[in-house]
Amino acid sequence: MLYLAYIDVRPFLYLGGLALALLLGLLFSVVVLEGARKGRVAVAATAVWTALFTLFLTEFGPFVGQVAVIEHRLTWTMGSEVSDSTAVVELSFTDHPGHHLWEHSSELAAHLKALGESTVLGRFRVTRDYGRVRGYDLFEVAGLRGWASKGAAGGTRGDPASSPWD
């Protein structure tokens, strides 16, 4: 089995980069400063590496964990019920044909049936890292928030031309 995909390598990157930064800093101290101020150079190299690492490779940097709320028009249909009589609602993106979501929720199904409209507005919370989508969460459909759900899935049919997350 390959467990490497589940290991956060950032601590190893930090330690390896820190060793390299200290080595380059001490080399700079020996060659350019002729051995003077080795302690100050080591502290400065550590501070600079830590600041750069924090800025670019952690949740504290401006490029990781960017959350935005976006809206999409969705059409809905009722799918077949699963074994425990939970309704399956299929939501399709009107502006991005071929992209679909499936919600296993009787509460959402009842709300959409009572609404009586075939096209509804869905609000998504989209999280991006370095401009790429990490994940999305459908948190509101046609004014309903926080419905009970037995699970959800998303996917495509065919080869869609565009993505709702671009």
N, C-alpha and C. Protein backbone atom coordinates (compact mmCIF):
# COMPACT_ATOMS: atom_id res chain seq x y z
N MET A 1 0.83 -1.18 0.00
CA MET A 1 0.00 0.00 0.00
C MET A 1 0.87 1.25 0.00
N LEU A 2 0.33 2.29 -0.59
CA LEU A 2 1.05 3.55 -0.67
C LEU A 2 0.41 4.53 0.30
N TYR A 3 1.06 4.77 1.42
CA TYR A 3 0.55 5.70 2.42
C TYR A 3 1.12 7.10 2.25
N LEU A 4 2.04 7.26 1.33
CA LEU A 4 2.72 8.54 1.16
C LEU A 4 1.76 9.67 0.84
N ALA A 5 0.67 9.39 0.15
CA ALA A 5 -0.28 10.43 -0.22
C ALA A 5 -0.98 11.03 1.00
N TYR A 6 -0.99 10.32 2.11
CA TYR A 6 -1.68 10.79 3.31
C TYR A 6 -0.74 11.44 4.31
N ILE A 7 0.52 11.58 3.96
CA ILE A 7 1.50 12.17 4.86
C ILE A 7 1.69 13.63 4.48
N ASP A 8 1.60 14.51 5.46
CA ASP A 8 1.86 15.92 5.23
C ASP A 8 3.38 16.12 5.21
N VAL A 9 3.91 16.47 4.06
CA VAL A 9 5.37 16.57 3.91
C VAL A 9 5.90 17.95 4.28
N ARG A 10 5.02 18.88 4.66
CA ARG A 10 5.49 20.23 4.97
C ARG A 10 6.50 20.29 6.12
N PRO A 11 6.37 19.49 7.19
CA PRO A 11 7.42 19.54 8.22
C PRO A 11 8.79 19.12 7.68
N PHE A 12 8.81 18.13 6.81
CA PHE A 12 10.07 17.70 6.21
C PHE A 12 10.64 18.77 5.29
N LEU A 13 9.76 19.43 4.53
CA LEU A 13 10.20 20.53 3.67
C LEU A 13 10.76 21.68 4.51
N TYR A 14 10.10 21.96 5.62
CA TYR A 14 10.59 23.04 6.48
C TYR A 14 11.97 22.72 7.03
N LEU A 15 12.14 21.53 7.58
CA LEU A 15 13.42 21.17 8.18
C LEU A 15 14.53 21.09 7.13
N GLY A 16 14.24 20.50 5.98
CA GLY A 16 15.24 20.43 4.91
C GLY A 16 15.61 21.81 4.40
N GLY A 17 14.62 22.66 4.21
CA GLY A 17 14.88 24.02 3.76
C GLY A 17 15.61 24.84 4.80
N LEU A 18 15.29 24.60 6.08
CA LEU A 18 16.00 25.31 7.15
C LEU A 18 17.48 24.93 7.17
N ALA A 19 17.75 23.64 7.02
CA ALA A 19 19.15 23.20 6.99
C ALA A 19 19.88 23.84 5.80
N LEU A 20 19.22 23.89 4.66
CA LEU A 20 19.82 24.51 3.47
C LEU A 20 20.02 26.01 3.68
N ALA A 21 19.04 26.68 4.27
CA ALA A 21 19.16 28.12 4.52
C ALA A 21 20.29 28.40 5.49
N LEU A 22 20.42 27.59 6.54
CA LEU A 22 21.52 27.78 7.50
C LEU A 22 22.87 27.53 6.84
N LEU A 23 22.94 26.48 6.03
CA LEU A 23 24.19 26.17 5.34
C LEU A 23 24.60 27.31 4.41
N LEU A 24 23.65 27.81 3.62
CA LEU A 24 23.96 28.93 2.71
C LEU A 24 24.30 30.20 3.49
N GLY A 25 23.61 30.42 4.60
CA GLY A 25 23.92 31.59 5.42
C GLY A 25 25.31 31.52 6.03
N LEU A 26 25.67 30.35 6.53
CA LEU A 26 27.01 30.20 7.10
C LEU A 26 28.09 30.28 6.01
N LEU A 27 27.80 29.73 4.83
CA LEU A 27 28.74 29.85 3.72
C LEU A 27 28.93 31.32 3.32
N PHE A 28 27.83 32.05 3.30
CA PHE A 28 27.90 33.49 3.02
C PHE A 28 28.74 34.19 4.09
N SER A 29 28.53 33.81 5.34
CA SER A 29 29.29 34.42 6.44
C SER A 29 30.79 34.16 6.31
N VAL A 30 31.15 32.94 5.93
CA VAL A 30 32.57 32.58 5.80
C VAL A 30 33.20 33.26 4.59
N VAL A 31 32.52 33.24 3.45
CA VAL A 31 33.11 33.75 2.21
C VAL A 31 33.06 35.27 2.15
N VAL A 32 31.91 35.87 2.39
CA VAL A 32 31.76 37.31 2.21
C VAL A 32 32.17 38.08 3.46
N LEU A 33 31.72 37.62 4.61
CA LEU A 33 32.00 38.35 5.85
C LEU A 33 33.26 37.85 6.55
N GLU A 34 33.96 36.92 5.95
CA GLU A 34 35.20 36.35 6.46
C GLU A 34 35.05 35.78 7.87
N GLY A 35 33.95 35.09 8.10
CA GLY A 35 33.75 34.37 9.35
C GLY A 35 33.13 35.19 10.47
N ALA A 36 32.93 36.45 10.29
CA ALA A 36 32.36 37.29 11.35
C ALA A 36 30.84 37.14 11.37
N ARG A 37 30.27 37.31 12.50
CA ARG A 37 28.80 37.36 12.69
C ARG A 37 28.09 36.07 12.29
N LYS A 38 28.64 34.93 12.57
CA LYS A 38 28.00 33.66 12.21
C LYS A 38 26.66 33.49 12.92
N GLY A 39 26.59 33.90 14.16
CA GLY A 39 25.36 33.79 14.93
C GLY A 39 24.24 34.64 14.37
N ARG A 40 24.57 35.88 14.01
CA ARG A 40 23.56 36.78 13.44
C ARG A 40 23.09 36.29 12.08
N VAL A 41 24.00 35.78 11.29
CA VAL A 41 23.63 35.25 9.97
C VAL A 41 22.72 34.03 10.13
N ALA A 42 23.01 33.17 11.09
CA ALA A 42 22.18 31.98 11.34
C ALA A 42 20.78 32.39 11.78
N VAL A 43 20.68 33.36 12.67
CA VAL A 43 19.37 33.84 13.12
C VAL A 43 18.61 34.48 11.96
N ALA A 44 19.28 35.29 11.16
CA ALA A 44 18.64 35.95 10.02
C ALA A 44 18.17 34.92 8.99
N ALA A 45 19.00 33.90 8.70
CA ALA A 45 18.61 32.86 7.75
C ALA A 45 17.40 32.08 8.26
N THR A 46 17.38 31.78 9.54
CA THR A 46 16.24 31.07 10.13
C THR A 46 14.98 31.92 10.05
N ALA A 47 15.10 33.20 10.36
CA ALA A 47 13.93 34.09 10.33
C ALA A 47 13.39 34.25 8.91
N VAL A 48 14.28 34.43 7.95
CA VAL A 48 13.83 34.61 6.56
C VAL A 48 13.17 33.33 6.04
N TRP A 49 13.79 32.17 6.28
CA TRP A 49 13.21 30.91 5.81
C TRP A 49 11.85 30.66 6.47
N THR A 50 11.75 30.91 7.76
CA THR A 50 10.48 30.69 8.46
C THR A 50 9.40 31.62 7.92
N ALA A 51 9.73 32.88 7.66
CA ALA A 51 8.76 33.83 7.12
C ALA A 51 8.30 33.40 5.72
N LEU A 52 9.23 33.02 4.86
CA LEU A 52 8.87 32.59 3.51
C LEU A 52 8.04 31.30 3.53
N PHE A 53 8.43 30.36 4.37
CA PHE A 53 7.69 29.10 4.48
C PHE A 53 6.27 29.37 4.97
N THR A 54 6.13 30.21 5.98
CA THR A 54 4.81 30.53 6.52
C THR A 54 3.95 31.23 5.47
N LEU A 55 4.55 32.11 4.71
CA LEU A 55 3.81 32.86 3.70
C LEU A 55 3.31 31.96 2.57
N PHE A 56 4.13 31.05 2.09
CA PHE A 56 3.78 30.30 0.90
C PHE A 56 3.26 28.89 1.14
N LEU A 57 3.56 28.26 2.25
CA LEU A 57 3.23 26.84 2.40
C LEU A 57 2.38 26.50 3.61
N THR A 58 1.75 27.47 4.24
CA THR A 58 0.88 27.15 5.37
C THR A 58 -0.47 27.82 5.18
N GLU A 59 -1.39 27.49 6.07
CA GLU A 59 -2.73 28.09 6.03
C GLU A 59 -2.72 29.58 6.36
N PHE A 60 -1.60 30.08 6.89
CA PHE A 60 -1.54 31.48 7.27
C PHE A 60 -1.18 32.37 6.09
N GLY A 61 -0.71 31.79 5.01
CA GLY A 61 -0.35 32.56 3.83
C GLY A 61 -1.58 33.00 3.06
N PRO A 62 -1.43 33.96 2.17
CA PRO A 62 -2.58 34.48 1.43
C PRO A 62 -3.04 33.60 0.27
N PHE A 63 -2.34 32.52 -0.01
CA PHE A 63 -2.64 31.71 -1.19
C PHE A 63 -3.37 30.41 -0.87
N VAL A 64 -3.49 30.07 0.39
CA VAL A 64 -4.06 28.79 0.81
C VAL A 64 -5.34 29.05 1.60
N GLY A 65 -6.37 28.27 1.30
CA GLY A 65 -7.60 28.35 2.07
C GLY A 65 -8.47 29.55 1.75
N GLN A 66 -8.43 30.05 0.53
CA GLN A 66 -9.28 31.17 0.13
C GLN A 66 -10.70 30.67 -0.06
N VAL A 67 -11.65 31.23 0.66
CA VAL A 67 -13.04 30.79 0.62
C VAL A 67 -13.89 31.86 -0.04
N ALA A 68 -14.71 31.44 -0.99
CA ALA A 68 -15.62 32.35 -1.68
C ALA A 68 -17.00 31.69 -1.76
N VAL A 69 -18.03 32.51 -1.74
CA VAL A 69 -19.40 32.02 -1.90
C VAL A 69 -19.84 32.37 -3.31
N ILE A 70 -20.25 31.36 -4.06
CA ILE A 70 -20.72 31.59 -5.43
C ILE A 70 -22.11 31.00 -5.59
N GLU A 71 -22.84 31.50 -6.55
CA GLU A 71 -24.20 31.05 -6.81
C GLU A 71 -24.30 30.46 -8.21
N HIS A 72 -25.10 29.42 -8.33
CA HIS A 72 -25.36 28.80 -9.63
C HIS A 72 -26.84 28.48 -9.73
N ARG A 73 -27.37 28.61 -10.94
CA ARG A 73 -28.73 28.17 -11.22
C ARG A 73 -28.69 26.65 -11.41
N LEU A 74 -29.61 25.97 -10.76
CA LEU A 74 -29.66 24.51 -10.80
C LEU A 74 -31.05 24.05 -11.18
N THR A 75 -31.13 23.02 -12.00
CA THR A 75 -32.41 22.33 -12.22
C THR A 75 -32.38 21.08 -11.36
N TRP A 76 -33.54 20.65 -10.92
CA TRP A 76 -33.58 19.48 -10.05
C TRP A 76 -34.58 18.46 -10.55
N THR A 77 -34.28 17.22 -10.30
CA THR A 77 -35.19 16.11 -10.57
C THR A 77 -35.09 15.13 -9.40
N MET A 78 -36.12 14.34 -9.26
CA MET A 78 -36.12 13.32 -8.21
C MET A 78 -35.57 12.03 -8.79
N GLY A 79 -34.59 11.48 -8.10
CA GLY A 79 -34.04 10.19 -8.48
C GLY A 79 -34.77 9.09 -7.76
N SER A 80 -34.33 7.87 -7.94
CA SER A 80 -34.94 6.75 -7.24
C SER A 80 -34.54 6.78 -5.77
N GLU A 81 -35.41 6.28 -4.93
CA GLU A 81 -35.13 6.24 -3.50
C GLU A 81 -34.14 5.13 -3.21
N VAL A 82 -33.29 5.37 -2.24
CA VAL A 82 -32.34 4.34 -1.82
C VAL A 82 -33.01 3.40 -0.84
N SER A 83 -32.30 2.40 -0.40
CA SER A 83 -32.88 1.32 0.39
C SER A 83 -33.59 1.77 1.66
N ASP A 84 -33.15 2.85 2.29
CA ASP A 84 -33.79 3.28 3.53
C ASP A 84 -34.84 4.37 3.29
N SER A 85 -35.43 4.41 2.11
CA SER A 85 -36.50 5.31 1.69
C SER A 85 -36.12 6.79 1.79
N THR A 86 -34.85 7.10 1.62
CA THR A 86 -34.41 8.48 1.55
C THR A 86 -34.45 8.92 0.09
N ALA A 87 -35.06 10.06 -0.15
CA ALA A 87 -35.17 10.56 -1.52
C ALA A 87 -33.81 11.03 -2.03
N VAL A 88 -33.60 10.84 -3.32
CA VAL A 88 -32.37 11.30 -3.97
C VAL A 88 -32.75 12.45 -4.90
N VAL A 89 -32.14 13.60 -4.65
CA VAL A 89 -32.38 14.78 -5.48
C VAL A 89 -31.17 14.97 -6.38
N GLU A 90 -31.42 15.02 -7.69
CA GLU A 90 -30.34 15.28 -8.64
C GLU A 90 -30.41 16.74 -9.04
N LEU A 91 -29.32 17.45 -8.80
CA LEU A 91 -29.22 18.86 -9.15
C LEU A 91 -28.25 19.00 -10.33
N SER A 92 -28.68 19.69 -11.39
CA SER A 92 -27.86 19.88 -12.58
C SER A 92 -27.60 21.36 -12.79
N PHE A 93 -26.37 21.70 -13.14
CA PHE A 93 -26.00 23.10 -13.38
C PHE A 93 -26.55 23.53 -14.73
N THR A 94 -27.32 24.61 -14.75
CA THR A 94 -27.90 25.06 -16.02
C THR A 94 -26.85 25.70 -16.93
N ASP A 95 -25.90 26.43 -16.35
CA ASP A 95 -24.87 27.10 -17.16
C ASP A 95 -23.69 26.20 -17.50
N HIS A 96 -23.63 25.03 -16.89
CA HIS A 96 -22.52 24.09 -17.11
C HIS A 96 -23.09 22.69 -17.32
N PRO A 97 -23.66 22.44 -18.50
CA PRO A 97 -24.28 21.14 -18.76
C PRO A 97 -23.29 20.00 -18.58
N GLY A 98 -23.78 18.93 -18.01
CA GLY A 98 -22.94 17.76 -17.79
C GLY A 98 -22.45 17.64 -16.36
N HIS A 99 -22.55 18.70 -15.57
CA HIS A 99 -22.15 18.66 -14.16
C HIS A 99 -23.39 18.47 -13.28
N HIS A 100 -23.31 17.54 -12.35
CA HIS A 100 -24.45 17.19 -11.52
C HIS A 100 -24.04 16.98 -10.07
N LEU A 101 -25.01 17.15 -9.18
CA LEU A 101 -24.87 16.83 -7.76
C LEU A 101 -26.03 15.94 -7.36
N TRP A 102 -25.78 15.04 -6.44
CA TRP A 102 -26.83 14.18 -5.91
C TRP A 102 -26.86 14.32 -4.40
N GLU A 103 -28.04 14.66 -3.86
CA GLU A 103 -28.23 14.79 -2.42
C GLU A 103 -29.24 13.73 -1.97
N HIS A 104 -28.88 12.97 -0.94
CA HIS A 104 -29.78 11.99 -0.36
C HIS A 104 -30.49 12.65 0.81
N SER A 105 -31.59 13.32 0.54
CA SER A 105 -32.27 14.09 1.57
C SER A 105 -33.76 14.18 1.29
N SER A 106 -34.56 13.62 2.16
CA SER A 106 -36.01 13.74 2.04
C SER A 106 -36.47 15.16 2.35
N GLU A 107 -35.77 15.83 3.26
CA GLU A 107 -36.12 17.20 3.62
C GLU A 107 -35.92 18.15 2.44
N LEU A 108 -34.81 18.02 1.74
CA LEU A 108 -34.56 18.85 0.56
C LEU A 108 -35.56 18.53 -0.54
N ALA A 109 -35.87 17.26 -0.72
CA ALA A 109 -36.85 16.86 -1.74
C ALA A 109 -38.22 17.46 -1.45
N ALA A 110 -38.64 17.42 -0.20
CA ALA A 110 -39.95 17.98 0.16
C ALA A 110 -39.96 19.50 -0.05
N HIS A 111 -38.87 20.17 0.28
CA HIS A 111 -38.79 21.62 0.08
C HIS A 111 -38.88 21.98 -1.41
N LEU A 112 -38.17 21.25 -2.24
CA LEU A 112 -38.20 21.55 -3.67
C LEU A 112 -39.56 21.22 -4.30
N LYS A 113 -40.19 20.14 -3.85
CA LYS A 113 -41.54 19.81 -4.35
C LYS A 113 -42.53 20.89 -3.96
N ALA A 114 -42.45 21.37 -2.72
CA ALA A 114 -43.37 22.41 -2.26
C ALA A 114 -43.14 23.73 -2.99
N LEU A 115 -41.91 23.97 -3.39
CA LEU A 115 -41.58 25.20 -4.11
C LEU A 115 -42.22 25.21 -5.49
N GLY A 116 -42.21 24.09 -6.16
CA GLY A 116 -42.87 23.97 -7.45
C GLY A 116 -42.14 24.57 -8.64
N GLU A 117 -40.89 24.95 -8.49
CA GLU A 117 -40.11 25.50 -9.59
C GLU A 117 -39.07 24.48 -10.03
N SER A 118 -38.84 24.41 -11.33
CA SER A 118 -37.87 23.42 -11.82
C SER A 118 -36.43 23.95 -11.76
N THR A 119 -36.25 25.28 -11.73
CA THR A 119 -34.92 25.88 -11.64
C THR A 119 -34.83 26.65 -10.34
N VAL A 120 -33.77 26.38 -9.59
CA VAL A 120 -33.58 27.03 -8.29
C VAL A 120 -32.17 27.60 -8.21
N LEU A 121 -31.94 28.42 -7.20
CA LEU A 121 -30.63 29.00 -6.97
C LEU A 121 -29.91 28.21 -5.88
N GLY A 122 -28.68 27.80 -6.18
CA GLY A 122 -27.86 27.09 -5.21
C GLY A 122 -26.65 27.94 -4.84
N ARG A 123 -26.33 27.99 -3.55
CA ARG A 123 -25.17 28.74 -3.08
C ARG A 123 -24.12 27.75 -2.59
N PHE A 124 -22.88 27.98 -3.03
CA PHE A 124 -21.76 27.09 -2.73
C PHE A 124 -20.67 27.86 -2.01
N ARG A 125 -20.04 27.18 -1.07
CA ARG A 125 -18.83 27.69 -0.43
C ARG A 125 -17.66 26.95 -1.08
N VAL A 126 -16.81 27.68 -1.81
CA VAL A 126 -15.71 27.09 -2.57
C VAL A 126 -14.38 27.47 -1.91
N THR A 127 -13.55 26.47 -1.62
CA THR A 127 -12.24 26.70 -1.02
C THR A 127 -11.17 26.45 -2.06
N ARG A 128 -10.25 27.40 -2.20
CA ARG A 128 -9.17 27.31 -3.19
C ARG A 128 -7.80 27.40 -2.52
N ASP A 129 -6.86 26.64 -3.06
CA ASP A 129 -5.46 26.70 -2.68
C ASP A 129 -4.67 27.05 -3.92
N TYR A 130 -3.94 28.14 -3.88
CA TYR A 130 -3.13 28.60 -5.01
C TYR A 130 -3.96 28.69 -6.29
N GLY A 131 -5.22 29.10 -6.16
CA GLY A 131 -6.09 29.28 -7.31
C GLY A 131 -6.79 28.02 -7.77
N ARG A 132 -6.47 26.87 -7.20
CA ARG A 132 -7.12 25.61 -7.60
C ARG A 132 -8.14 25.21 -6.55
N VAL A 133 -9.23 24.63 -7.00
CA VAL A 133 -10.31 24.27 -6.09
C VAL A 133 -9.90 23.08 -5.23
N ARG A 134 -9.96 23.27 -3.91
CA ARG A 134 -9.72 22.17 -2.97
C ARG A 134 -11.04 21.44 -2.69
N GLY A 135 -12.11 22.20 -2.55
CA GLY A 135 -13.39 21.58 -2.25
C GLY A 135 -14.53 22.57 -2.35
N TYR A 136 -15.74 22.06 -2.34
CA TYR A 136 -16.93 22.91 -2.38
C TYR A 136 -17.99 22.30 -1.48
N ASP A 137 -18.90 23.17 -1.04
CA ASP A 137 -19.96 22.75 -0.14
C ASP A 137 -21.23 23.46 -0.55
N LEU A 138 -22.25 22.69 -0.91
CA LEU A 138 -23.56 23.25 -1.22
C LEU A 138 -24.26 23.50 0.12
N PHE A 139 -24.45 24.78 0.46
CA PHE A 139 -25.02 25.06 1.76
C PHE A 139 -26.40 25.69 1.72
N GLU A 140 -26.87 26.07 0.53
CA GLU A 140 -28.22 26.63 0.43
C GLU A 140 -28.81 26.30 -0.93
N VAL A 141 -30.04 25.83 -0.93
CA VAL A 141 -30.77 25.57 -2.16
C VAL A 141 -32.15 26.18 -2.02
N ALA A 142 -32.47 27.12 -2.89
CA ALA A 142 -33.78 27.76 -2.93
C ALA A 142 -34.19 28.29 -1.56
N GLY A 143 -33.26 28.88 -0.84
CA GLY A 143 -33.56 29.46 0.47
C GLY A 143 -33.49 28.50 1.64
N LEU A 144 -33.35 27.21 1.38
CA LEU A 144 -33.25 26.22 2.46
C LEU A 144 -31.80 26.02 2.84
N ARG A 145 -31.53 26.14 4.13
CA ARG A 145 -30.19 25.91 4.65
C ARG A 145 -30.26 24.80 5.69
N GLY A 146 -29.20 23.99 5.74
CA GLY A 146 -29.06 23.02 6.81
C GLY A 146 -30.05 21.87 6.78
N TRP A 147 -30.27 21.25 5.66
CA TRP A 147 -31.16 20.11 5.57
C TRP A 147 -30.46 18.84 6.05
N ALA A 148 -31.25 17.89 6.50
CA ALA A 148 -30.71 16.59 6.90
C ALA A 148 -30.36 15.80 5.65
N SER A 149 -29.17 15.24 5.62
CA SER A 149 -28.70 14.53 4.43
C SER A 149 -28.01 13.24 4.84
N LYS A 150 -28.25 12.20 4.06
CA LYS A 150 -27.58 10.92 4.28
C LYS A 150 -26.33 10.79 3.43
N GLY A 151 -25.99 11.84 2.70
CA GLY A 151 -24.80 11.81 1.86
C GLY A 151 -25.02 12.62 0.60
N ALA A 152 -23.93 12.93 -0.05
CA ALA A 152 -24.00 13.71 -1.28
C ALA A 152 -22.85 13.29 -2.17
N ALA A 153 -23.01 13.57 -3.45
CA ALA A 153 -21.95 13.26 -4.41
C ALA A 153 -22.05 14.25 -5.56
N GLY A 154 -20.97 14.39 -6.27
CA GLY A 154 -20.94 15.24 -7.44
C GLY A 154 -20.22 14.53 -8.55
N GLY A 155 -20.54 14.87 -9.78
CA GLY A 155 -19.87 14.22 -10.89
C GLY A 155 -20.26 14.82 -12.22
N THR A 156 -19.78 14.18 -13.27
CA THR A 156 -20.07 14.64 -14.62
C THR A 156 -20.61 13.50 -15.45
N ARG A 157 -21.31 13.87 -16.51
CA ARG A 157 -21.74 12.91 -17.52
C ARG A 157 -21.21 13.41 -18.86
N GLY A 158 -20.59 12.52 -19.57
CA GLY A 158 -20.01 12.92 -20.85
C GLY A 158 -18.73 13.70 -20.65
N ASP A 159 -18.48 14.64 -21.54
CA ASP A 159 -17.27 15.47 -21.49
C ASP A 159 -17.68 16.94 -21.48
N PRO A 160 -18.00 17.49 -20.29
CA PRO A 160 -18.48 18.88 -20.23
C PRO A 160 -17.45 19.88 -20.75
N ALA A 161 -17.93 20.93 -21.38
CA ALA A 161 -17.05 21.94 -21.96
C ALA A 161 -16.51 22.91 -20.92
N SER A 162 -17.27 23.14 -19.85
CA SER A 162 -16.81 24.09 -18.84
C SER A 162 -17.10 23.55 -17.45
N SER A 163 -16.45 24.14 -16.47
CA SER A 163 -16.61 23.71 -15.08
C SER A 163 -17.29 24.81 -14.28
N PRO A 164 -18.14 24.45 -13.33
CA PRO A 164 -18.75 25.47 -12.48
C PRO A 164 -17.76 26.16 -11.55
N TRP A 165 -16.56 25.60 -11.42
CA TRP A 165 -15.61 26.13 -10.45
C TRP A 165 -14.52 26.98 -11.09
N ASP A 166 -14.58 27.19 -12.40
CA ASP A 166 -13.58 28.05 -13.07
C ASP A 166 -13.82 29.50 -12.78
